[in-house]
Amino acid sequence: MPAAIVLINAEIGSEEEVFNEISKVEGIKEAYIVYGVYDIIAKIEAETMEKLKETIANKIRKLPKVRSTLTMIIVEGKEFKQ
């Protein structure tokens, strides 16, 4: 299943608002407000690569108060349980 990590910059002071909107986007599996260069990190999954790209381009990047994004397509992964 295609997946990506999306790093999101929000307008200053709107991080929580953008975070709440991100949580409503279909396919978002995890999201975090973070400190540093980016404000929010989200993990997204979709049934196809086309749906993944469409969600990122049309649902995340076009949210009000999202200034920019950096997308990293996941090639391989493993879940660790500790």
Protein backbone atom coordinates (compact mmCIF):
# COMPACT_ATOMS: atom_id res chain seq x y z
CA MET A 1 0.00 0.00 0.00
CA PRO A 2 1.55 3.35 -1.01
CA ALA A 3 2.44 5.59 1.92
CA ALA A 4 4.23 8.86 2.58
CA ILE A 5 5.45 11.10 5.35
CA VAL A 6 4.41 14.71 4.82
CA LEU A 7 6.22 17.50 6.66
CA ILE A 8 4.02 20.59 6.93
CA ASN A 9 4.71 24.26 7.62
CA ALA A 10 1.69 26.17 8.89
CA GLU A 11 1.14 29.89 9.23
CA ILE A 12 2.44 31.16 12.56
CA GLY A 13 -0.05 30.53 15.34
CA SER A 14 -2.26 28.21 13.27
CA GLU A 15 -0.47 24.93 13.96
CA GLU A 16 -3.26 23.44 16.07
CA GLU A 17 -5.93 24.53 13.58
CA VAL A 18 -4.05 22.91 10.68
CA PHE A 19 -3.42 19.81 12.82
CA ASN A 20 -7.16 19.47 13.45
CA GLU A 21 -7.93 19.81 9.74
CA ILE A 22 -5.22 17.28 8.83
CA SER A 23 -6.81 14.74 11.16
CA LYS A 24 -10.00 14.87 9.03
CA VAL A 25 -8.23 13.99 5.77
CA GLU A 26 -8.93 10.45 4.59
CA GLY A 27 -5.86 8.24 4.72
CA ILE A 28 -4.04 10.05 7.51
CA LYS A 29 -2.76 7.32 9.82
CA GLU A 30 -0.69 9.43 12.23
CA ALA A 31 -0.05 13.12 12.78
CA TYR A 32 2.11 15.05 15.24
CA ILE A 33 2.69 18.69 16.10
CA VAL A 34 6.46 19.10 16.41
CA TYR A 35 9.07 21.74 17.14
CA GLY A 36 11.74 22.53 14.60
CA VAL A 37 11.83 23.41 10.92
CA TYR A 38 8.37 21.88 10.35
CA ASP A 39 5.22 22.26 12.43
CA ILE A 40 3.34 19.03 11.68
CA ILE A 41 4.38 15.57 10.54
CA ALA A 42 1.73 13.29 9.03
CA LYS A 43 1.83 9.72 7.78
CA ILE A 44 -0.62 9.02 4.98
CA GLU A 45 -1.61 5.81 3.19
CA ALA A 46 -3.75 5.23 0.10
CA GLU A 47 -4.88 2.32 -2.05
CA THR A 48 -2.93 3.54 -5.08
CA MET A 49 -0.05 5.89 -5.78
CA GLU A 50 -2.43 8.09 -7.77
CA LYS A 51 -4.79 8.44 -4.77
CA LEU A 52 -1.83 9.17 -2.52
CA LYS A 53 -0.61 11.96 -4.81
CA GLU A 54 -4.14 13.35 -5.17
CA THR A 55 -4.67 13.46 -1.41
CA ILE A 56 -1.37 15.23 -0.82
CA ALA A 57 -1.78 17.73 -3.65
CA ASN A 58 -5.49 18.45 -3.36
CA LYS A 59 -6.38 17.85 0.28
CA ILE A 60 -3.29 18.60 2.37
CA ARG A 61 -1.42 21.24 0.37
CA LYS A 62 -4.59 23.22 -0.32
CA LEU A 63 -5.72 23.42 3.30
CA PRO A 64 -6.05 27.00 4.51
CA LYS A 65 -3.00 28.15 6.48
CA VAL A 66 -0.67 25.46 5.09
CA ARG A 67 2.36 27.40 3.89
CA SER A 68 4.44 24.56 2.47
CA THR A 69 4.97 20.82 2.52
CA LEU A 70 7.77 18.34 1.95
CA THR A 71 6.68 14.84 0.93
CA MET A 72 8.74 11.69 1.38
CA ILE A 73 7.31 8.62 -0.34
CA ILE A 74 7.93 5.52 1.78
CA VAL A 75 9.81 2.84 -0.16
CA GLU A 76 10.25 0.26 2.59
CA GLY A 77 9.41 0.10 6.26
CA LYS A 78 9.12 -1.99 9.36
CA GLU A 79 7.12 -1.42 12.51
CA PHE A 80 9.03 -1.90 15.76
CA LYS A 81 7.25 -2.90 18.94
CA GLN A 82 9.05 -2.38 22.20
